[in-house]
PDB file of all heavy atoms in Angstrom:
ATOM      1  N   SER A   1      10.955 -20.528  12.730  1.00  0.00           N
ATOM      2  CA  SER A   1      10.023 -19.845  13.624  1.00  0.00           C
ATOM      3  C   SER A   1       8.674 -19.663  12.934  1.00  0.00           C
ATOM      4  O   SER A   1       8.575 -19.729  11.707  1.00  0.00           O
ATOM      5  CB  SER A   1      10.577 -18.482  14.046  1.00  0.00           C
ATOM      6  OG  SER A   1      10.720 -17.657  12.924  1.00  0.00           O
ATOM      7  N   LEU A   2       7.665 -19.413  13.738  1.00  0.00           N
ATOM      8  CA  LEU A   2       6.325 -19.182  13.221  1.00  0.00           C
ATOM      9  C   LEU A   2       6.279 -17.836  12.513  1.00  0.00           C
ATOM     10  O   LEU A   2       6.679 -16.822  13.071  1.00  0.00           O
ATOM     11  CB  LEU A   2       5.310 -19.181  14.368  1.00  0.00           C
ATOM     12  CG  LEU A   2       3.880 -18.813  13.996  1.00  0.00           C
ATOM     13  CD1 LEU A   2       3.285 -19.870  13.075  1.00  0.00           C
ATOM     14  CD2 LEU A   2       3.040 -18.663  15.242  1.00  0.00           C
ATOM     15  N   GLN A   3       5.801 -17.840  11.285  1.00  0.00           N
ATOM     16  CA  GLN A   3       5.630 -16.604  10.531  1.00  0.00           C
ATOM     17  C   GLN A   3       4.338 -16.725   9.748  1.00  0.00           C
ATOM     18  O   GLN A   3       4.075 -17.742   9.134  1.00  0.00           O
ATOM     19  CB  GLN A   3       6.801 -16.381   9.585  1.00  0.00           C
ATOM     20  CG  GLN A   3       8.092 -16.226  10.332  1.00  0.00           C
ATOM     21  CD  GLN A   3       9.251 -15.918   9.413  1.00  0.00           C
ATOM     22  OE1 GLN A   3       9.072 -15.629   8.246  1.00  0.00           O
ATOM     23  NE2 GLN A   3      10.448 -15.990   9.959  1.00  0.00           N
ATOM     24  N   ARG A   4       3.562 -15.681   9.803  1.00  0.00           N
ATOM     25  CA  ARG A   4       2.297 -15.677   9.080  1.00  0.00           C
ATOM     26  C   ARG A   4       2.449 -14.828   7.820  1.00  0.00           C
ATOM     27  O   ARG A   4       3.003 -13.735   7.871  1.00  0.00           O
ATOM     28  CB  ARG A   4       1.190 -15.123   9.953  1.00  0.00           C
ATOM     29  CG  ARG A   4       0.994 -15.959  11.204  1.00  0.00           C
ATOM     30  CD  ARG A   4      -0.298 -15.595  11.885  1.00  0.00           C
ATOM     31  NE  ARG A   4      -0.403 -16.214  13.188  1.00  0.00           N
ATOM     32  CZ  ARG A   4      -0.831 -17.448  13.394  1.00  0.00           C
ATOM     33  NH1 ARG A   4      -1.181 -18.208  12.393  1.00  0.00           N
ATOM     34  NH2 ARG A   4      -0.906 -17.927  14.625  1.00  0.00           N
ATOM     35  N   PRO A   5       1.929 -15.312   6.698  1.00  0.00           N
ATOM     36  CA  PRO A   5       2.045 -14.535   5.465  1.00  0.00           C
ATOM     37  C   PRO A   5       1.180 -13.283   5.528  1.00  0.00           C
ATOM     38  O   PRO A   5       0.122 -13.272   6.148  1.00  0.00           O
ATOM     39  CB  PRO A   5       1.534 -15.485   4.383  1.00  0.00           C
ATOM     40  CG  PRO A   5       0.710 -16.492   5.098  1.00  0.00           C
ATOM     41  CD  PRO A   5       1.253 -16.584   6.495  1.00  0.00           C
ATOM     42  N   GLU A   6       1.668 -12.212   4.893  1.00  0.00           N
ATOM     43  CA  GLU A   6       0.870 -10.993   4.804  1.00  0.00           C
ATOM     44  C   GLU A   6      -0.205 -11.202   3.754  1.00  0.00           C
ATOM     45  O   GLU A   6       0.038 -11.799   2.714  1.00  0.00           O
ATOM     46  CB  GLU A   6       1.750  -9.805   4.372  1.00  0.00           C
ATOM     47  CG  GLU A   6       2.646  -9.299   5.457  1.00  0.00           C
ATOM     48  CD  GLU A   6       3.363  -8.026   5.024  1.00  0.00           C
ATOM     49  OE1 GLU A   6       2.863  -7.324   4.129  1.00  0.00           O
ATOM     50  OE2 GLU A   6       4.428  -7.766   5.580  1.00  0.00           O
ATOM     51  N   ARG A   7      -1.372 -10.701   4.051  1.00  0.00           N
ATOM     52  CA  ARG A   7      -2.457 -10.799   3.078  1.00  0.00           C
ATOM     53  C   ARG A   7      -2.522  -9.480   2.323  1.00  0.00           C
ATOM     54  O   ARG A   7      -2.789  -8.439   2.907  1.00  0.00           O
ATOM     55  CB  ARG A   7      -3.763 -11.087   3.787  1.00  0.00           C
ATOM     56  CG  ARG A   7      -3.732 -12.412   4.527  1.00  0.00           C
ATOM     57  CD  ARG A   7      -5.134 -12.867   4.875  1.00  0.00           C
ATOM     58  NE  ARG A   7      -5.115 -14.033   5.719  1.00  0.00           N
ATOM     59  CZ  ARG A   7      -4.975 -15.278   5.282  1.00  0.00           C
ATOM     60  NH1 ARG A   7      -4.841 -15.515   4.007  1.00  0.00           N
ATOM     61  NH2 ARG A   7      -4.981 -16.289   6.124  1.00  0.00           N
ATOM     62  N   ARG A   8      -2.249  -9.543   1.035  1.00  0.00           N
ATOM     63  CA  ARG A   8      -2.277  -8.356   0.191  1.00  0.00           C
ATOM     64  C   ARG A   8      -3.022  -8.684  -1.094  1.00  0.00           C
ATOM     65  O   ARG A   8      -2.921  -9.787  -1.618  1.00  0.00           O
ATOM     66  CB  ARG A   8      -0.868  -7.898  -0.173  1.00  0.00           C
ATOM     67  CG  ARG A   8      -0.092  -7.377   0.995  1.00  0.00           C
ATOM     68  CD  ARG A   8       1.209  -6.816   0.525  1.00  0.00           C
ATOM     69  NE  ARG A   8       1.873  -6.175   1.650  1.00  0.00           N
ATOM     70  CZ  ARG A   8       2.840  -5.319   1.519  1.00  0.00           C
ATOM     71  NH1 ARG A   8       3.268  -4.988   0.321  1.00  0.00           N
ATOM     72  NH2 ARG A   8       3.403  -4.778   2.571  1.00  0.00           N
ATOM     73  N   ALA A   9      -3.703  -7.704  -1.605  1.00  0.00           N
ATOM     74  CA  ALA A   9      -4.404  -7.881  -2.866  1.00  0.00           C
ATOM     75  C   ALA A   9      -3.391  -8.074  -3.993  1.00  0.00           C
ATOM     76  O   ALA A   9      -2.368  -7.395  -4.038  1.00  0.00           O
ATOM     77  CB  ALA A   9      -5.277  -6.672  -3.151  1.00  0.00           C
ATOM     78  N   MET A  10      -3.685  -8.983  -4.886  1.00  0.00           N
ATOM     79  CA  MET A  10      -2.791  -9.218  -6.021  1.00  0.00           C
ATOM     80  C   MET A  10      -2.739  -7.997  -6.934  1.00  0.00           C
ATOM     81  O   MET A  10      -1.757  -7.763  -7.616  1.00  0.00           O
ATOM     82  CB  MET A  10      -3.232 -10.454  -6.795  1.00  0.00           C
ATOM     83  CG  MET A  10      -3.036 -11.736  -5.998  1.00  0.00           C
ATOM     84  SD  MET A  10      -3.522 -13.204  -6.897  1.00  0.00           S
ATOM     85  CE  MET A  10      -2.294 -13.221  -8.181  1.00  0.00           C
ATOM     86  N   GLU A  11      -3.819  -7.208  -6.929  1.00  0.00           N
ATOM     87  CA  GLU A  11      -3.904  -6.035  -7.796  1.00  0.00           C
ATOM     88  C   GLU A  11      -3.198  -4.822  -7.199  1.00  0.00           C
ATOM     89  O   GLU A  11      -3.218  -3.756  -7.775  1.00  0.00           O
ATOM     90  CB  GLU A  11      -5.377  -5.663  -8.045  1.00  0.00           C
ATOM     91  CG  GLU A  11      -6.203  -6.787  -8.639  1.00  0.00           C
ATOM     92  CD  GLU A  11      -6.744  -7.749  -7.602  1.00  0.00           C
ATOM     93  OE1 GLU A  11      -6.623  -7.488  -6.390  1.00  0.00           O
ATOM     94  OE2 GLU A  11      -7.267  -8.795  -8.003  1.00  0.00           O
ATOM     95  N   ARG A  12      -2.588  -4.971  -6.044  1.00  0.00           N
ATOM     96  CA  ARG A  12      -1.964  -3.857  -5.337  1.00  0.00           C
ATOM     97  C   ARG A  12      -0.931  -3.164  -6.231  1.00  0.00           C
ATOM     98  O   ARG A  12      -0.064  -3.807  -6.813  1.00  0.00           O
ATOM     99  CB  ARG A  12      -1.304  -4.403  -4.077  1.00  0.00           C
ATOM    100  CG  ARG A  12      -0.736  -3.353  -3.164  1.00  0.00           C
ATOM    101  CD  ARG A  12      -0.162  -4.039  -1.932  1.00  0.00           C
ATOM    102  NE  ARG A  12       0.579  -3.109  -1.125  1.00  0.00           N
ATOM    103  CZ  ARG A  12       0.133  -2.600   0.015  1.00  0.00           C
ATOM    104  NH1 ARG A  12      -1.045  -2.937   0.462  1.00  0.00           N
ATOM    105  NH2 ARG A  12       0.872  -1.757   0.708  1.00  0.00           N
ATOM    106  N   ASP A  13      -1.025  -1.841  -6.305  1.00  0.00           N
ATOM    107  CA  ASP A  13      -0.125  -1.044  -7.139  1.00  0.00           C
ATOM    108  C   ASP A  13       0.694  -0.130  -6.225  1.00  0.00           C
ATOM    109  O   ASP A  13       0.221   0.909  -5.779  1.00  0.00           O
ATOM    110  CB  ASP A  13      -0.964  -0.222  -8.134  1.00  0.00           C
ATOM    111  CG  ASP A  13      -0.101   0.587  -9.095  1.00  0.00           C
ATOM    112  OD1 ASP A  13       1.123   0.693  -8.872  1.00  0.00           O
ATOM    113  OD2 ASP A  13      -0.657   1.115 -10.056  1.00  0.00           O
ATOM    114  N   GLU A  14       1.920  -0.528  -5.944  1.00  0.00           N
ATOM    115  CA  GLU A  14       2.771   0.196  -4.996  1.00  0.00           C
ATOM    116  C   GLU A  14       3.026   1.636  -5.435  1.00  0.00           C
ATOM    117  O   GLU A  14       3.061   2.549  -4.616  1.00  0.00           O
ATOM    118  CB  GLU A  14       4.097  -0.537  -4.784  1.00  0.00           C
ATOM    119  CG  GLU A  14       3.963  -1.914  -4.146  1.00  0.00           C
ATOM    120  CD  GLU A  14       3.415  -1.882  -2.732  1.00  0.00           C
ATOM    121  OE1 GLU A  14       3.585  -0.876  -2.017  1.00  0.00           O
ATOM    122  OE2 GLU A  14       2.787  -2.881  -2.330  1.00  0.00           O
ATOM    123  N   SER A  15       3.208   1.868  -6.745  1.00  0.00           N
ATOM    124  CA  SER A  15       3.486   3.231  -7.204  1.00  0.00           C
ATOM    125  C   SER A  15       2.259   4.129  -7.018  1.00  0.00           C
ATOM    126  O   SER A  15       2.386   5.298  -6.659  1.00  0.00           O
ATOM    127  CB  SER A  15       3.950   3.235  -8.656  1.00  0.00           C
ATOM    128  OG  SER A  15       2.938   2.726  -9.498  1.00  0.00           O
ATOM    129  N   GLU A  16       1.065   3.591  -7.233  1.00  0.00           N
ATOM    130  CA  GLU A  16      -0.158   4.376  -7.033  1.00  0.00           C
ATOM    131  C   GLU A  16      -0.361   4.676  -5.542  1.00  0.00           C
ATOM    132  O   GLU A  16      -0.787   5.773  -5.173  1.00  0.00           O
ATOM    133  CB  GLU A  16      -1.367   3.627  -7.602  1.00  0.00           C
ATOM    134  CG  GLU A  16      -2.686   4.335  -7.418  1.00  0.00           C
ATOM    135  CD  GLU A  16      -2.753   5.713  -8.090  1.00  0.00           C
ATOM    136  OE1 GLU A  16      -1.987   5.984  -9.029  1.00  0.00           O
ATOM    137  OE2 GLU A  16      -3.598   6.529  -7.655  1.00  0.00           O
ATOM    138  N   ILE A  17      -0.028   3.722  -4.695  1.00  0.00           N
ATOM    139  CA  ILE A  17      -0.135   3.938  -3.245  1.00  0.00           C
ATOM    140  C   ILE A  17       0.826   5.049  -2.817  1.00  0.00           C
ATOM    141  O   ILE A  17       0.459   5.956  -2.067  1.00  0.00           O
ATOM    142  CB  ILE A  17       0.139   2.631  -2.475  1.00  0.00           C
ATOM    143  CG1 ILE A  17      -0.995   1.642  -2.743  1.00  0.00           C
ATOM    144  CG2 ILE A  17       0.292   2.893  -0.974  1.00  0.00           C
ATOM    145  CD1 ILE A  17      -0.719   0.231  -2.248  1.00  0.00           C
ATOM    146  N   ALA A  18       2.054   5.016  -3.306  1.00  0.00           N
ATOM    147  CA  ALA A  18       3.042   6.050  -2.969  1.00  0.00           C
ATOM    148  C   ALA A  18       2.581   7.417  -3.462  1.00  0.00           C
ATOM    149  O   ALA A  18       2.712   8.427  -2.754  1.00  0.00           O
ATOM    150  CB  ALA A  18       4.396   5.691  -3.574  1.00  0.00           C
ATOM    151  N   ARG A  19       2.002   7.484  -4.672  1.00  0.00           N
ATOM    152  CA  ARG A  19       1.494   8.742  -5.203  1.00  0.00           C
ATOM    153  C   ARG A  19       0.367   9.281  -4.322  1.00  0.00           C
ATOM    154  O   ARG A  19       0.332  10.451  -3.979  1.00  0.00           O
ATOM    155  CB  ARG A  19       0.986   8.557  -6.638  1.00  0.00           C
ATOM    156  CG  ARG A  19       0.567   9.889  -7.294  1.00  0.00           C
ATOM    157  CD  ARG A  19      -0.450   9.697  -8.394  1.00  0.00           C
ATOM    158  NE  ARG A  19      -1.716   9.143  -7.963  1.00  0.00           N
ATOM    159  CZ  ARG A  19      -2.679   9.826  -7.312  1.00  0.00           C
ATOM    160  NH1 ARG A  19      -2.505  11.077  -6.987  1.00  0.00           N
ATOM    161  NH2 ARG A  19      -3.793   9.242  -6.973  1.00  0.00           N
ATOM    162  N   TRP A  20      -0.552   8.400  -3.915  1.00  0.00           N
ATOM    163  CA  TRP A  20      -1.681   8.810  -3.080  1.00  0.00           C
ATOM    164  C   TRP A  20      -1.198   9.362  -1.733  1.00  0.00           C
ATOM    165  O   TRP A  20      -1.664  10.393  -1.268  1.00  0.00           O
ATOM    166  CB  TRP A  20      -2.631   7.631  -2.864  1.00  0.00           C
ATOM    167  CG  TRP A  20      -3.909   8.019  -2.201  1.00  0.00           C
ATOM    168  CD1 TRP A  20      -5.053   8.421  -2.806  1.00  0.00           C
ATOM    169  CD2 TRP A  20      -4.160   8.055  -0.789  1.00  0.00           C
ATOM    170  NE1 TRP A  20      -6.011   8.704  -1.863  1.00  0.00           N
ATOM    171  CE2 TRP A  20      -5.486   8.494  -0.610  1.00  0.00           C
ATOM    172  CE3 TRP A  20      -3.403   7.773   0.333  1.00  0.00           C
ATOM    173  CZ2 TRP A  20      -6.065   8.649   0.634  1.00  0.00           C
ATOM    174  CZ3 TRP A  20      -3.978   7.922   1.583  1.00  0.00           C
ATOM    175  CH2 TRP A  20      -5.297   8.361   1.727  1.00  0.00           C
ATOM    176  N   ILE A  21      -0.235   8.661  -1.129  1.00  0.00           N
ATOM    177  CA  ILE A  21       0.295   9.109   0.165  1.00  0.00           C
ATOM    178  C   ILE A  21       0.985  10.464   0.019  1.00  0.00           C
ATOM    179  O   ILE A  21       0.848  11.340   0.870  1.00  0.00           O
ATOM    180  CB  ILE A  21       1.250   8.047   0.755  1.00  0.00           C
ATOM    181  CG1 ILE A  21       0.451   6.821   1.189  1.00  0.00           C
ATOM    182  CG2 ILE A  21       2.050   8.608   1.921  1.00  0.00           C
ATOM    183  CD1 ILE A  21       1.293   5.633   1.599  1.00  0.00           C
ATOM    184  N   ALA A  22       1.713  10.657  -1.061  1.00  0.00           N
ATOM    185  CA  ALA A  22       2.462  11.907  -1.256  1.00  0.00           C
ATOM    186  C   ALA A  22       1.558  13.082  -1.618  1.00  0.00           C
ATOM    187  O   ALA A  22       1.808  14.208  -1.179  1.00  0.00           O
ATOM    188  CB  ALA A  22       3.518  11.706  -2.339  1.00  0.00           C
ATOM    189  N   HIS A  23       0.487  12.843  -2.385  1.00  0.00           N
ATOM    190  CA  HIS A  23      -0.316  13.963  -2.895  1.00  0.00           C
ATOM    191  C   HIS A  23      -1.709  14.069  -2.270  1.00  0.00           C
ATOM    192  O   HIS A  23      -2.134  15.165  -1.895  1.00  0.00           O
ATOM    193  CB  HIS A  23      -0.439  13.866  -4.422  1.00  0.00           C
ATOM    194  CG  HIS A  23       0.884  13.920  -5.107  1.00  0.00           C
ATOM    195  ND1 HIS A  23       1.628  15.063  -5.192  1.00  0.00           N
ATOM    196  CD2 HIS A  23       1.627  12.951  -5.706  1.00  0.00           C
ATOM    197  CE1 HIS A  23       2.756  14.815  -5.835  1.00  0.00           C
ATOM    198  NE2 HIS A  23       2.782  13.532  -6.153  1.00  0.00           N
ATOM    199  N   GLU A  24      -2.418  12.968  -2.195  1.00  0.00           N
ATOM    200  CA  GLU A  24      -3.806  13.016  -1.733  1.00  0.00           C
ATOM    201  C   GLU A  24      -3.917  13.099  -0.210  1.00  0.00           C
ATOM    202  O   GLU A  24      -4.736  13.850   0.313  1.00  0.00           O
ATOM    203  CB  GLU A  24      -4.594  11.798  -2.245  1.00  0.00           C
ATOM    204  CG  GLU A  24      -4.637  11.690  -3.756  1.00  0.00           C
ATOM    205  CD  GLU A  24      -5.338  12.866  -4.414  1.00  0.00           C
ATOM    206  OE1 GLU A  24      -6.325  13.384  -3.849  1.00  0.00           O
ATOM    207  OE2 GLU A  24      -4.891  13.277  -5.503  1.00  0.00           O
ATOM    208  N   TRP A  25      -3.131  12.302   0.493  1.00  0.00           N
ATOM    209  CA  TRP A  25      -3.238  12.276   1.949  1.00  0.00           C
ATOM    210  C   TRP A  25      -2.963  13.646   2.585  1.00  0.00           C
ATOM    211  O   TRP A  25      -3.744  14.090   3.427  1.00  0.00           O
ATOM    212  CB  TRP A  25      -2.343  11.190   2.534  1.00  0.00           C
ATOM    213  CG  TRP A  25      -2.368  11.150   4.030  1.00  0.00           C
ATOM    214  CD1 TRP A  25      -1.321  11.362   4.868  1.00  0.00           C
ATOM    215  CD2 TRP A  25      -3.497  10.913   4.876  1.00  0.00           C
ATOM    216  NE1 TRP A  25      -1.707  11.262   6.166  1.00  0.00           N
ATOM    217  CE2 TRP A  25      -3.063  10.987   6.215  1.00  0.00           C
ATOM    218  CE3 TRP A  25      -4.844  10.652   4.637  1.00  0.00           C
ATOM    219  CZ2 TRP A  25      -3.894  10.807   7.304  1.00  0.00           C
ATOM    220  CZ3 TRP A  25      -5.681  10.470   5.725  1.00  0.00           C
ATOM    221  CH2 TRP A  25      -5.216  10.552   7.039  1.00  0.00           C
ATOM    222  N   PRO A  26      -1.907  14.356   2.191  1.00  0.00           N
ATOM    223  CA  PRO A  26      -1.692  15.685   2.776  1.00  0.00           C
ATOM    224  C   PRO A  26      -2.874  16.634   2.500  1.00  0.00           C
ATOM    225  O   PRO A  26      -3.254  17.430   3.359  1.00  0.00           O
ATOM    226  CB  PRO A  26      -0.423  16.186   2.098  1.00  0.00           C
ATOM    227  CG  PRO A  26       0.297  14.951   1.679  1.00  0.00           C
ATOM    228  CD  PRO A  26      -0.777  13.964   1.336  1.00  0.00           C
ATOM    229  N   ARG A  27      -3.470  16.539   1.305  1.00  0.00           N
ATOM    230  CA  ARG A  27      -4.614  17.377   0.965  1.00  0.00           C
ATOM    231  C   ARG A  27      -5.803  17.062   1.870  1.00  0.00           C
ATOM    232  O   ARG A  27      -6.443  17.949   2.406  1.00  0.00           O
ATOM    233  CB  ARG A  27      -4.990  17.181  -0.501  1.00  0.00           C
ATOM    234  CG  ARG A  27      -6.155  18.059  -0.970  1.00  0.00           C
ATOM    235  CD  ARG A  27      -6.518  17.771  -2.414  1.00  0.00           C
ATOM    236  NE  ARG A  27      -6.939  16.390  -2.653  1.00  0.00           N
ATOM    237  CZ  ARG A  27      -8.152  15.907  -2.348  1.00  0.00           C
ATOM    238  NH1 ARG A  27      -9.035  16.672  -1.762  1.00  0.00           N
ATOM    239  NH2 ARG A  27      -8.461  14.668  -2.620  1.00  0.00           N
ATOM    240  N   ILE A  28      -6.068  15.774   2.065  1.00  0.00           N
ATOM    241  CA  ILE A  28      -7.180  15.350   2.925  1.00  0.00           C
ATOM    242  C   ILE A  28      -6.923  15.748   4.381  1.00  0.00           C
ATOM    243  O   ILE A  28      -7.816  16.216   5.078  1.00  0.00           O
ATOM    244  CB  ILE A  28      -7.400  13.831   2.807  1.00  0.00           C
ATOM    245  CG1 ILE A  28      -7.878  13.485   1.399  1.00  0.00           C
ATOM    246  CG2 ILE A  28      -8.376  13.321   3.843  1.00  0.00           C
ATOM    247  CD1 ILE A  28      -7.842  12.004   1.095  1.00  0.00           C
TER     248      ILE A  28
END
């Protein structure tokens, strides 16, 4: 089937994203 690849930055840091969502987003 047709599937398109996700475009993500190679520098993406999943643990930093999870930390930001858990701590910074609620504050904002």
